[in-house]
Amino acid sequence: MAEFWASALDLRIERLDDGSAKLYPRDEAAPDVPTLWLQPTAPAKSGKNRVHPDLRPVGGDVEAEVERLLGLGAVRADVGQSGDEPFVVLADPEGNEFCVLRNEPRGV
C-alpha cells in the first residue's frame, strides 16, 4: 500500500518498525501537501471505506491519470455508478475505493 499511495501522490515513504508507513511530501512540495499514515490491519476490507479520497489530476487530464493509476496497481471499481458521474471510481491494491474527479468539487 505504501508503494502504491506514495507513487500515486508523489510522496516519500518512511517505514516504521511496527509495520506502518508514513508518507511525507517531498522537500520541494508545496506546504499544503498532506501526509498519510498507513497502518497494517489483519482483517481484509469489508464494507465501505471510512475515508474516501478524491483525487484531482494535475493538468486536468482525467483519462491519463486513470491510466497512470491503473498502471500502479489500481483497478476500476463498480459502486453502482450510472456512467454520468463527474468522477471515475477506482480501488487501490487492497480494495479501498477512491475517485478521480473530472471537475472541481464544490462543497455545500
PDB file of N, CA and C in Angstrom:
ATOM      1  N   MET A   1       0.813  -1.192   0.000  1.00  0.00           N
ATOM      2  CA  MET A   1       0.000   0.000   0.000  1.00  0.00           C
ATOM      3  C   MET A   1       0.856   1.255   0.000  1.00  0.00           C
ATOM      4  N   ALA A   2       1.928   1.225   0.769  1.00  0.00           N
ATOM      5  CA  ALA A   2       2.793   2.406   0.834  1.00  0.00           C
ATOM      6  C   ALA A   2       3.356   2.732  -0.546  1.00  0.00           C
ATOM      7  N   GLU A   3       3.794   1.720  -1.271  1.00  0.00           N
ATOM      8  CA  GLU A   3       4.348   1.946  -2.613  1.00  0.00           C
ATOM      9  C   GLU A   3       3.293   2.535  -3.542  1.00  0.00           C
ATOM     10  N   PHE A   4       2.067   1.984  -3.513  1.00  0.00           N
ATOM     11  CA  PHE A   4       1.010   2.479  -4.383  1.00  0.00           C
ATOM     12  C   PHE A   4       0.704   3.944  -4.090  1.00  0.00           C
ATOM     13  N   TRP A   5       0.380   4.256  -2.826  1.00  0.00           N
ATOM     14  CA  TRP A   5      -0.032   5.619  -2.499  1.00  0.00           C
ATOM     15  C   TRP A   5       1.122   6.617  -2.613  1.00  0.00           C
ATOM     16  N   ALA A   6       2.341   6.199  -2.304  1.00  0.00           N
ATOM     17  CA  ALA A   6       3.486   7.105  -2.477  1.00  0.00           C
ATOM     18  C   ALA A   6       3.657   7.449  -3.951  1.00  0.00           C
ATOM     19  N   SER A   7       3.537   6.460  -4.822  1.00  0.00           N
ATOM     20  CA  SER A   7       3.645   6.721  -6.258  1.00  0.00           C
ATOM     21  C   SER A   7       2.454   7.522  -6.765  1.00  0.00           C
ATOM     22  N   ALA A   8       1.260   7.183  -6.316  1.00  0.00           N
ATOM     23  CA  ALA A   8       0.055   7.876  -6.774  1.00  0.00           C
ATOM     24  C   ALA A   8       0.079   9.347  -6.410  1.00  0.00           C
ATOM     25  N   LEU A   9       0.581   9.669  -5.221  1.00  0.00           N
ATOM     26  CA  LEU A   9       0.534  11.042  -4.711  1.00  0.00           C
ATOM     27  C   LEU A   9       1.885  11.743  -4.696  1.00  0.00           C
ATOM     28  N   ASP A  10       2.916  11.091  -5.226  1.00  0.00           N
ATOM     29  CA  ASP A  10       4.267  11.640  -5.270  1.00  0.00           C
ATOM     30  C   ASP A  10       4.766  12.015  -3.878  1.00  0.00           C
ATOM     31  N   LEU A  11       4.682  11.053  -2.961  1.00  0.00           N
ATOM     32  CA  LEU A  11       5.160  11.227  -1.597  1.00  0.00           C
ATOM     33  C   LEU A  11       6.356  10.316  -1.365  1.00  0.00           C
ATOM     34  N   ARG A  12       7.098  10.577  -0.314  1.00  0.00           N
ATOM     35  CA  ARG A  12       8.215   9.699   0.055  1.00  0.00           C
ATOM     36  C   ARG A  12       7.796   8.844   1.249  1.00  0.00           C
ATOM     37  N   ILE A  13       8.372   7.670   1.361  1.00  0.00           N
ATOM     38  CA  ILE A  13       7.969   6.686   2.374  1.00  0.00           C
ATOM     39  C   ILE A  13       8.976   6.638   3.512  1.00  0.00           C
ATOM     40  N   GLU A  14       8.454   6.651   4.727  1.00  0.00           N
ATOM     41  CA  GLU A  14       9.257   6.342   5.910  1.00  0.00           C
ATOM     42  C   GLU A  14       8.599   5.137   6.566  1.00  0.00           C
ATOM     43  N   ARG A  15       9.282   4.001   6.526  1.00  0.00           N
ATOM     44  CA  ARG A  15       8.733   2.772   7.114  1.00  0.00           C
ATOM     45  C   ARG A  15       9.087   2.730   8.598  1.00  0.00           C
ATOM     46  N   LEU A  16       8.127   2.327   9.410  1.00  0.00           N
ATOM     47  CA  LEU A  16       8.335   2.263  10.852  1.00  0.00           C
ATOM     48  C   LEU A  16       8.452   0.808  11.297  1.00  0.00           C
ATOM     49  N   ASP A  17       9.037   0.590  12.456  1.00  0.00           N
ATOM     50  CA  ASP A  17       9.298  -0.758  12.953  1.00  0.00           C
ATOM     51  C   ASP A  17       8.028  -1.572  13.207  1.00  0.00           C
ATOM     52  N   ASP A  18       6.895  -0.912  13.418  1.00  0.00           N
ATOM     53  CA  ASP A  18       5.653  -1.642  13.708  1.00  0.00           C
ATOM     54  C   ASP A  18       4.910  -2.082  12.444  1.00  0.00           C
ATOM     55  N   GLY A  19       5.522  -1.889  11.257  1.00  0.00           N
ATOM     56  CA  GLY A  19       4.888  -2.279  10.005  1.00  0.00           C
ATOM     57  C   GLY A  19       4.089  -1.176   9.355  1.00  0.00           C
ATOM     58  N   SER A  20       3.962  -0.047  10.031  1.00  0.00           N
ATOM     59  CA  SER A  20       3.241   1.071   9.433  1.00  0.00           C
ATOM     60  C   SER A  20       4.202   1.872   8.555  1.00  0.00           C
ATOM     61  N   ALA A  21       3.636   2.773   7.787  1.00  0.00           N
ATOM     62  CA  ALA A  21       4.444   3.641   6.935  1.00  0.00           C
ATOM     63  C   ALA A  21       3.860   5.038   6.965  1.00  0.00           C
ATOM     64  N   LYS A  22       4.733   6.009   7.060  1.00  0.00           N
ATOM     65  CA  LYS A  22       4.313   7.406   6.952  1.00  0.00           C
ATOM     66  C   LYS A  22       4.756   7.902   5.575  1.00  0.00           C
ATOM     67  N   LEU A  23       3.829   8.566   4.907  1.00  0.00           N
ATOM     68  CA  LEU A  23       4.105   9.107   3.584  1.00  0.00           C
ATOM     69  C   LEU A  23       4.159  10.616   3.706  1.00  0.00           C
ATOM     70  N   TYR A  24       5.316  11.166   3.377  1.00  0.00           N
ATOM     71  CA  TYR A  24       5.569  12.589   3.552  1.00  0.00           C
ATOM     72  C   TYR A  24       5.747  13.273   2.201  1.00  0.00           C
ATOM     73  N   PRO A  25       5.409  14.567   2.128  1.00  0.00           N
ATOM     74  CA  PRO A  25       5.686  15.319   0.909  1.00  0.00           C
ATOM     75  C   PRO A  25       7.193  15.375   0.656  1.00  0.00           C
ATOM     76  N   ARG A  26       7.529  15.466  -0.602  1.00  0.00           N
ATOM     77  CA  ARG A  26       8.938  15.663  -0.961  1.00  0.00           C
ATOM     78  C   ARG A  26       9.364  17.063  -0.529  1.00  0.00           C
ATOM     79  N   ASP A  27      10.653  17.277  -0.372  1.00  0.00           N
ATOM     80  CA  ASP A  27      11.168  18.563   0.117  1.00  0.00           C
ATOM     81  C   ASP A  27      10.682  19.745  -0.716  1.00  0.00           C
ATOM     82  N   GLU A  28      10.533  19.557  -2.023  1.00  0.00           N
ATOM     83  CA  GLU A  28      10.148  20.660  -2.905  1.00  0.00           C
ATOM     84  C   GLU A  28       8.633  20.851  -3.010  1.00  0.00           C
ATOM     85  N   ALA A  29       7.860  20.055  -2.300  1.00  0.00           N
ATOM     86  CA  ALA A  29       6.393  20.139  -2.376  1.00  0.00           C
ATOM     87  C   ALA A  29       5.866  21.401  -1.699  1.00  0.00           C
ATOM     88  N   ALA A  30       4.686  21.799  -2.139  1.00  0.00           N
ATOM     89  CA  ALA A  30       4.013  22.951  -1.522  1.00  0.00           C
ATOM     90  C   ALA A  30       3.720  22.644  -0.054  1.00  0.00           C
ATOM     91  N   PRO A  31       3.625  23.668   0.796  1.00  0.00           N
ATOM     92  CA  PRO A  31       3.427  23.439   2.224  1.00  0.00           C
ATOM     93  C   PRO A  31       2.068  22.823   2.576  1.00  0.00           C
ATOM     94  N   ASP A  32       1.092  22.856   1.671  1.00  0.00           N
ATOM     95  CA  ASP A  32      -0.227  22.311   1.995  1.00  0.00           C
ATOM     96  C   ASP A  32      -0.414  20.862   1.554  1.00  0.00           C
ATOM     97  N   VAL A  33       0.637  20.198   1.081  1.00  0.00           N
ATOM     98  CA  VAL A  33       0.526  18.800   0.681  1.00  0.00           C
ATOM     99  C   VAL A  33       0.374  17.948   1.943  1.00  0.00           C
ATOM    100  N   PRO A  34      -0.657  17.105   2.000  1.00  0.00           N
ATOM    101  CA  PRO A  34      -0.890  16.326   3.220  1.00  0.00           C
ATOM    102  C   PRO A  34       0.084  15.158   3.365  1.00  0.00           C
ATOM    103  N   THR A  35       0.192  14.670   4.579  1.00  0.00           N
ATOM    104  CA  THR A  35       0.924  13.434   4.852  1.00  0.00           C
ATOM    105  C   THR A  35      -0.108  12.330   5.085  1.00  0.00           C
ATOM    106  N   LEU A  36       0.303  11.099   4.895  1.00  0.00           N
ATOM    107  CA  LEU A  36      -0.568   9.947   5.148  1.00  0.00           C
ATOM    108  C   LEU A  36       0.146   9.005   6.097  1.00  0.00           C
ATOM    109  N   TRP A  37      -0.621   8.325   6.919  1.00  0.00           N
ATOM    110  CA  TRP A  37      -0.076   7.312   7.800  1.00  0.00           C
ATOM    111  C   TRP A  37      -0.844   6.038   7.523  1.00  0.00           C
ATOM    112  N   LEU A  38      -0.163   5.023   7.003  1.00  0.00           N
ATOM    113  CA  LEU A  38      -0.775   3.742   6.685  1.00  0.00           C
ATOM    114  C   LEU A  38      -0.401   2.751   7.776  1.00  0.00           C
ATOM    115  N   GLN A  39      -1.408   2.100   8.322  1.00  0.00           N
ATOM    116  CA  GLN A  39      -1.189   1.154   9.402  1.00  0.00           C
ATOM    117  C   GLN A  39      -1.673  -0.227   8.979  1.00  0.00           C
ATOM    118  N   PRO A  40      -0.902  -1.262   9.283  1.00  0.00           N
ATOM    119  CA  PRO A  40      -1.319  -2.608   8.900  1.00  0.00           C
ATOM    120  C   PRO A  40      -2.510  -3.073   9.742  1.00  0.00           C
ATOM    121  N   THR A  41      -3.381  -3.844   9.111  1.00  0.00           N
ATOM    122  CA  THR A  41      -4.500  -4.463   9.810  1.00  0.00           C
ATOM    123  C   THR A  41      -4.587  -5.915   9.373  1.00  0.00           C
ATOM    124  N   ALA A  42      -5.071  -6.759  10.259  1.00  0.00           N
ATOM    125  CA  ALA A  42      -5.166  -8.183   9.941  1.00  0.00           C
ATOM    126  C   ALA A  42      -6.374  -8.509   9.066  1.00  0.00           C
ATOM    127  N   PRO A  43      -7.562  -8.032   9.396  1.00  0.00           N
ATOM    128  CA  PRO A  43      -8.699  -8.438   8.577  1.00  0.00           C
ATOM    129  C   PRO A  43      -8.709  -7.724   7.226  1.00  0.00           C
ATOM    130  N   ALA A  44      -9.228  -8.429   6.220  1.00  0.00           N
ATOM    131  CA  ALA A  44      -9.388  -7.817   4.900  1.00  0.00           C
ATOM    132  C   ALA A  44     -10.496  -6.771   4.953  1.00  0.00           C
ATOM    133  N   LYS A  45     -10.483  -5.848   4.018  1.00  0.00           N
ATOM    134  CA  LYS A  45     -11.511  -4.817   3.938  1.00  0.00           C
ATOM    135  C   LYS A  45     -12.878  -5.465   3.738  1.00  0.00           C
ATOM    136  N   SER A  46     -13.852  -4.962   4.475  1.00  0.00           N
ATOM    137  CA  SER A  46     -15.236  -5.387   4.265  1.00  0.00           C
ATOM    138  C   SER A  46     -16.115  -4.160   4.444  1.00  0.00           C
ATOM    139  N   GLY A  47     -17.047  -3.959   3.561  1.00  0.00           N
ATOM    140  CA  GLY A  47     -17.925  -2.800   3.660  1.00  0.00           C
ATOM    141  C   GLY A  47     -17.287  -1.557   3.087  1.00  0.00           C
ATOM    142  N   LYS A  48     -17.885  -0.432   3.425  1.00  0.00           N
ATOM    143  CA  LYS A  48     -17.419   0.852   2.911  1.00  0.00           C
ATOM    144  C   LYS A  48     -16.142   1.304   3.589  1.00  0.00           C
ATOM    145  N   ASN A  49     -15.395   2.132   2.856  1.00  0.00           N
ATOM    146  CA  ASN A  49     -14.206   2.757   3.431  1.00  0.00           C
ATOM    147  C   ASN A  49     -14.622   3.765   4.495  1.00  0.00           C
ATOM    148  N   ARG A  50     -13.781   3.940   5.484  1.00  0.00           N
ATOM    149  CA  ARG A  50     -14.015   5.010   6.450  1.00  0.00           C
ATOM    150  C   ARG A  50     -13.586   6.349   5.883  1.00  0.00           C
ATOM    151  N   VAL A  51     -12.629   6.315   4.973  1.00  0.00           N
ATOM    152  CA  VAL A  51     -12.153   7.512   4.301  1.00  0.00           C
ATOM    153  C   VAL A  51     -12.149   7.219   2.801  1.00  0.00           C
ATOM    154  N   HIS A  52     -12.620   8.170   2.019  1.00  0.00           N
ATOM    155  CA  HIS A  52     -12.678   8.000   0.562  1.00  0.00           C
ATOM    156  C   HIS A  52     -11.990   9.194  -0.088  1.00  0.00           C
ATOM    157  N   PRO A  53     -10.744   9.018  -0.536  1.00  0.00           N
ATOM    158  CA  PRO A  53     -10.047  10.144  -1.157  1.00  0.00           C
ATOM    159  C   PRO A  53     -10.601  10.464  -2.544  1.00  0.00           C
ATOM    160  N   ASP A  54     -10.640  11.729  -2.876  1.00  0.00           N
ATOM    161  CA  ASP A  54     -10.955  12.211  -4.211  1.00  0.00           C
ATOM    162  C   ASP A  54      -9.703  12.888  -4.738  1.00  0.00           C
ATOM    163  N   LEU A  55      -9.221  12.442  -5.885  1.00  0.00           N
ATOM    164  CA  LEU A  55      -8.009  12.991  -6.471  1.00  0.00           C
ATOM    165  C   LEU A  55      -8.359  13.882  -7.652  1.00  0.00           C
ATOM    166  N   ARG A  56      -7.651  14.988  -7.775  1.00  0.00           N
ATOM    167  CA  ARG A  56      -7.791  15.889  -8.918  1.00  0.00           C
ATOM    168  C   ARG A  56      -6.493  15.841  -9.695  1.00  0.00           C
ATOM    169  N   PRO A  57      -6.527  15.392 -10.934  1.00  0.00           N
ATOM    170  CA  PRO A  57      -5.273  15.282 -11.690  1.00  0.00           C
ATOM    171  C   PRO A  57      -4.662  16.642 -12.001  1.00  0.00           C
ATOM    172  N   VAL A  58      -3.368  16.742 -11.806  1.00  0.00           N
ATOM    173  CA  VAL A  58      -2.641  17.948 -12.178  1.00  0.00           C
ATOM    174  C   VAL A  58      -2.737  18.074 -13.691  1.00  0.00           C
ATOM    175  N   GLY A  59      -3.125  19.218 -14.170  1.00  0.00           N
ATOM    176  CA  GLY A  59      -3.270  19.426 -15.596  1.00  0.00           C
ATOM    177  C   GLY A  59      -4.639  19.059 -16.131  1.00  0.00           C
ATOM    178  N   GLY A  60      -5.450  18.364 -15.330  1.00  0.00           N
ATOM    179  CA  GLY A  60      -6.828  18.090 -15.700  1.00  0.00           C
ATOM    180  C   GLY A  60      -7.072  16.911 -16.619  1.00  0.00           C
ATOM    181  N   ASP A  61      -6.058  16.154 -17.030  1.00  0.00           N
ATOM    182  CA  ASP A  61      -6.259  15.024 -17.935  1.00  0.00           C
ATOM    183  C   ASP A  61      -6.667  13.790 -17.135  1.00  0.00           C
ATOM    184  N   VAL A  62      -7.978  13.631 -16.964  1.00  0.00           N
ATOM    185  CA  VAL A  62      -8.521  12.554 -16.133  1.00  0.00           C
ATOM    186  C   VAL A  62      -8.164  11.184 -16.701  1.00  0.00           C
ATOM    187  N   GLU A  63      -8.336  11.002 -17.995  1.00  0.00           N
ATOM    188  CA  GLU A  63      -8.069   9.684 -18.584  1.00  0.00           C
ATOM    189  C   GLU A  63      -6.604   9.292 -18.450  1.00  0.00           C
ATOM    190  N   ALA A  64      -5.692  10.232 -18.631  1.00  0.00           N
ATOM    191  CA  ALA A  64      -4.268   9.931 -18.454  1.00  0.00           C
ATOM    192  C   ALA A  64      -3.973   9.577 -17.000  1.00  0.00           C
ATOM    193  N   GLU A  65      -4.604  10.279 -16.062  1.00  0.00           N
ATOM    194  CA  GLU A  65      -4.386   9.989 -14.645  1.00  0.00           C
ATOM    195  C   GLU A  65      -4.948   8.624 -14.278  1.00  0.00           C
ATOM    196  N   VAL A  66      -6.120   8.301 -14.789  1.00  0.00           N
ATOM    197  CA  VAL A  66      -6.709   6.974 -14.537  1.00  0.00           C
ATOM    198  C   VAL A  66      -5.773   5.892 -15.074  1.00  0.00           C
ATOM    199  N   GLU A  67      -5.264   6.059 -16.273  1.00  0.00           N
ATOM    200  CA  GLU A  67      -4.352   5.066 -16.850  1.00  0.00           C
ATOM    201  C   GLU A  67      -3.074   4.950 -16.021  1.00  0.00           C
ATOM    202  N   ARG A  68      -2.554   6.073 -15.534  1.00  0.00           N
ATOM    203  CA  ARG A  68      -1.356   6.047 -14.684  1.00  0.00           C
ATOM    204  C   ARG A  68      -1.616   5.262 -13.410  1.00  0.00           C
ATOM    205  N   LEU A  69      -2.751   5.524 -12.777  1.00  0.00           N
ATOM    206  CA  LEU A  69      -3.093   4.828 -11.532  1.00  0.00           C
ATOM    207  C   LEU A  69      -3.352   3.343 -11.773  1.00  0.00           C
ATOM    208  N   LEU A  70      -3.981   3.000 -12.881  1.00  0.00           N
ATOM    209  CA  LEU A  70      -4.174   1.585 -13.226  1.00  0.00           C
ATOM    210  C   LEU A  70      -2.816   0.908 -13.402  1.00  0.00           C
ATOM    211  N   GLY A  71      -1.869   1.610 -13.997  1.00  0.00           N
ATOM    212  CA  GLY A  71      -0.524   1.075 -14.160  1.00  0.00           C
ATOM    213  C   GLY A  71       0.209   0.865 -12.852  1.00  0.00           C
ATOM    214  N   LEU A  72      -0.168   1.625 -11.821  1.00  0.00           N
ATOM    215  CA  LEU A  72       0.439   1.469 -10.493  1.00  0.00           C
ATOM    216  C   LEU A  72      -0.196   0.339  -9.693  1.00  0.00           C
ATOM    217  N   GLY A  73      -1.326  -0.197 -10.171  1.00  0.00           N
ATOM    218  CA  GLY A  73      -1.973  -1.298  -9.451  1.00  0.00           C
ATOM    219  C   GLY A  73      -3.413  -1.053  -9.063  1.00  0.00           C
ATOM    220  N   ALA A  74      -3.958   0.116  -9.355  1.00  0.00           N
ATOM    221  CA  ALA A  74      -5.379   0.366  -9.086  1.00  0.00           C
ATOM    222  C   ALA A  74      -6.219  -0.465 -10.056  1.00  0.00           C
ATOM    223  N   VAL A  75      -7.482  -0.656  -9.709  1.00  0.00           N
ATOM    224  CA  VAL A  75      -8.438  -1.324 -10.591  1.00  0.00           C
ATOM    225  C   VAL A  75      -9.704  -0.477 -10.637  1.00  0.00           C
ATOM    226  N   ARG A  76     -10.458  -0.612 -11.707  1.00  0.00           N
ATOM    227  CA  ARG A  76     -11.749   0.074 -11.791  1.00  0.00           C
ATOM    228  C   ARG A  76     -12.702  -0.576 -10.798  1.00  0.00           C
ATOM    229  N   ALA A  77     -13.534   0.235 -10.172  1.00  0.00           N
ATOM    230  CA  ALA A  77     -14.460  -0.265  -9.149  1.00  0.00           C
ATOM    231  C   ALA A  77     -15.881   0.141  -9.506  1.00  0.00           C
ATOM    232  N   ASP A  78     -16.799  -0.768  -9.287  1.00  0.00           N
ATOM    233  CA  ASP A  78     -18.215  -0.508  -9.524  1.00  0.00           C
ATOM    234  C   ASP A  78     -18.901  -0.355  -8.174  1.00  0.00           C
ATOM    235  N   VAL A  79     -19.353   0.857  -7.901  1.00  0.00           N
ATOM    236  CA  VAL A  79     -20.080   1.124  -6.658  1.00  0.00           C
ATOM    237  C   VAL A  79     -21.507   1.559  -6.975  1.00  0.00           C
ATOM    238  N   GLY A  80     -21.978   1.158  -8.172  1.00  0.00           N
ATOM    239  CA  GLY A  80     -23.337   1.492  -8.568  1.00  0.00           C
ATOM    240  C   GLY A  80     -23.452   2.741  -9.408  1.00  0.00           C
ATOM    241  N   GLN A  81     -22.356   3.220  -9.958  1.00  0.00           N
ATOM    242  CA  GLN A  81     -22.419   4.429 -10.758  1.00  0.00           C
ATOM    243  C   GLN A  81     -23.182   4.175 -12.069  1.00  0.00           C
ATOM    244  N   SER A  82     -23.777   5.251 -12.600  1.00  0.00           N
ATOM    245  CA  SER A  82     -24.606   5.163 -13.802  1.00  0.00           C
ATOM    246  C   SER A  82     -23.815   5.405 -15.082  1.00  0.00           C
ATOM    247  N   GLY A  83     -22.651   6.022 -14.966  1.00  0.00           N
ATOM    248  CA  GLY A  83     -21.847   6.359 -16.130  1.00  0.00           C
ATOM    249  C   GLY A  83     -21.841   7.841 -16.432  1.00  0.00           C
ATOM    250  N   ASP A  84     -22.705   8.594 -15.775  1.00  0.00           N
ATOM    251  CA  ASP A  84     -22.783  10.043 -15.991  1.00  0.00           C
ATOM    252  C   ASP A  84     -22.100  10.838 -14.884  1.00  0.00           C
ATOM    253  N   GLU A  85     -21.444  10.176 -13.968  1.00  0.00           N
ATOM    254  CA  GLU A  85     -20.849  10.857 -12.817  1.00  0.00           C
ATOM    255  C   GLU A  85     -19.666  11.725 -13.249  1.00  0.00           C
ATOM    256  N   PRO A  86     -19.402  12.767 -12.483  1.00  0.00           N
ATOM    257  CA  PRO A  86     -18.248  13.622 -12.776  1.00  0.00           C
ATOM    258  C   PRO A  86     -16.954  13.078 -12.152  1.00  0.00           C
ATOM    259  N   PHE A  87     -16.832  11.763 -12.065  1.00  0.00           N
ATOM    260  CA  PHE A  87     -15.655  11.134 -11.473  1.00  0.00           C
ATOM    261  C   PHE A  87     -15.525   9.715 -12.005  1.00  0.00           C
ATOM    262  N   VAL A  88     -14.326   9.156 -11.833  1.00  0.00           N
ATOM    263  CA  VAL A  88     -14.042   7.758 -12.160  1.00  0.00           C
ATOM    264  C   VAL A  88     -13.719   7.058 -10.849  1.00  0.00           C
ATOM    265  N   VAL A  89     -14.372   5.942 -10.568  1.00  0.00           N
ATOM    266  CA  VAL A  89     -14.147   5.208  -9.326  1.00  0.00           C
ATOM    267  C   VAL A  89     -13.094   4.131  -9.566  1.00  0.00           C
ATOM    268  N   LEU A  90     -12.072   4.142  -8.728  1.00  0.00           N
ATOM    269  CA  LEU A  90     -11.017   3.132  -8.748  1.00  0.00           C
ATOM    270  C   LEU A  90     -10.879   2.547  -7.353  1.00  0.00           C
ATOM    271  N   ALA A  91     -10.123   1.472  -7.248  1.00  0.00           N
ATOM    272  CA  ALA A  91      -9.779   0.897  -5.945  1.00  0.00           C
ATOM    273  C   ALA A  91      -8.278   0.657  -5.914  1.00  0.00           C
ATOM    274  N   ASP A  92      -7.675   0.878  -4.758  1.00  0.00           N
ATOM    275  CA  ASP A  92      -6.243   0.634  -4.610  1.00  0.00           C
ATOM    276  C   ASP A  92      -6.001  -0.879  -4.525  1.00  0.00           C
ATOM    277  N   PRO A  93      -4.755  -1.322  -4.433  1.00  0.00           N
ATOM    278  CA  PRO A  93      -4.474  -2.759  -4.424  1.00  0.00           C
ATOM    279  C   PRO A  93      -5.121  -3.552  -3.282  1.00  0.00           C
ATOM    280  N   GLU A  94      -5.577  -2.887  -2.232  1.00  0.00           N
ATOM    281  CA  GLU A  94      -6.268  -3.590  -1.147  1.00  0.00           C
ATOM    282  C   GLU A  94      -7.777  -3.436  -1.231  1.00  0.00           C
ATOM    283  N   GLY A  95      -8.284  -2.836  -2.294  1.00  0.00           N
ATOM    284  CA  GLY A  95      -9.726  -2.725  -2.496  1.00  0.00           C
ATOM    285  C   GLY A  95     -10.373  -1.471  -1.935  1.00  0.00           C
ATOM    286  N   ASN A  96      -9.602  -0.515  -1.493  1.00  0.00           N
ATOM    287  CA  ASN A  96     -10.154   0.734  -0.959  1.00  0.00           C
ATOM    288  C   ASN A  96     -10.495   1.673  -2.113  1.00  0.00           C
ATOM    289  N   GLU A  97     -11.768   2.040  -2.208  1.00  0.00           N
ATOM    290  CA  GLU A  97     -12.207   2.881  -3.309  1.00  0.00           C
ATOM    291  C   GLU A  97     -11.741   4.325  -3.147  1.00  0.00           C
ATOM    292  N   PHE A  98     -11.506   4.956  -4.288  1.00  0.00           N
ATOM    293  CA  PHE A  98     -11.215   6.383  -4.357  1.00  0.00           C
ATOM    294  C   PHE A  98     -11.654   6.861  -5.732  1.00  0.00           C
ATOM    295  N   CYS A  99     -11.760   8.163  -5.902  1.00  0.00           N
ATOM    296  CA  CYS A  99     -12.229   8.710  -7.170  1.00  0.00           C
ATOM    297  C   CYS A  99     -11.202   9.645  -7.779  1.00  0.00           C
ATOM    298  N   VAL A 100     -11.227   9.693  -9.099  1.00  0.00           N
ATOM    299  CA  VAL A 100     -10.502  10.710  -9.849  1.00  0.00           C
ATOM    300  C   VAL A 100     -11.580  11.640 -10.389  1.00  0.00           C
ATOM    301  N   LEU A 101     -11.525  12.898  -9.972  1.00  0.00           N
ATOM    302  CA  LEU A 101     -12.574  13.856 -10.297  1.00  0.00           C
ATOM    303  C   LEU A 101     -12.393  14.448 -11.686  1.00  0.00           C
ATOM    304  N   ARG A 102     -13.503  14.573 -12.394  1.00  0.00           N
ATOM    305  CA  ARG A 102     -13.481  15.191 -13.731  1.00  0.00           C
ATOM    306  C   ARG A 102     -13.581  16.725 -13.647  1.00  0.00           C
ATOM    307  N   ASN A 103     -14.054  17.250 -12.527  1.00  0.00           N
ATOM    308  CA  ASN A 103     -14.135  18.700 -12.371  1.00  0.00           C
ATOM    309  C   ASN A 103     -13.924  19.052 -10.902  1.00  0.00           C
ATOM    310  N   GLU A 104     -13.792  20.315 -10.646  1.00  0.00           N
ATOM    311  CA  GLU A 104     -13.543  20.822  -9.295  1.00  0.00           C
ATOM    312  C   GLU A 104     -14.766  20.572  -8.421  1.00  0.00           C
ATOM    313  N   PRO A 105     -14.590  19.916  -7.274  1.00  0.00           N
ATOM    314  CA  PRO A 105     -15.725  19.692  -6.388  1.00  0.00           C
ATOM    315  C   PRO A 105     -16.156  20.992  -5.708  1.00  0.00           C
ATOM    316  N   ARG A 106     -17.380  21.071  -5.409  1.00  0.00           N
ATOM    317  CA  ARG A 106     -17.904  22.236  -4.690  1.00  0.00           C
ATOM    318  C   ARG A 106     -18.673  21.734  -3.484  1.00  0.00           C
ATOM    319  N   GLY A 107     -18.181  22.055  -2.293  1.00  0.00           N
ATOM    320  CA  GLY A 107     -18.862  21.687  -1.061  1.00  0.00           C
ATOM    321  C   GLY A 107     -20.042  22.597  -0.805  1.00  0.00           C
ATOM    322  N   VAL A 108     -20.890  22.155   0.067  1.00  0.00           N
ATOM    323  CA  VAL A 108     -22.069  22.951   0.422  1.00  0.00           C
ATOM    324  C   VAL A 108     -21.762  23.777   1.638  1.00  0.00           C
TER     325      VAL A 108
END
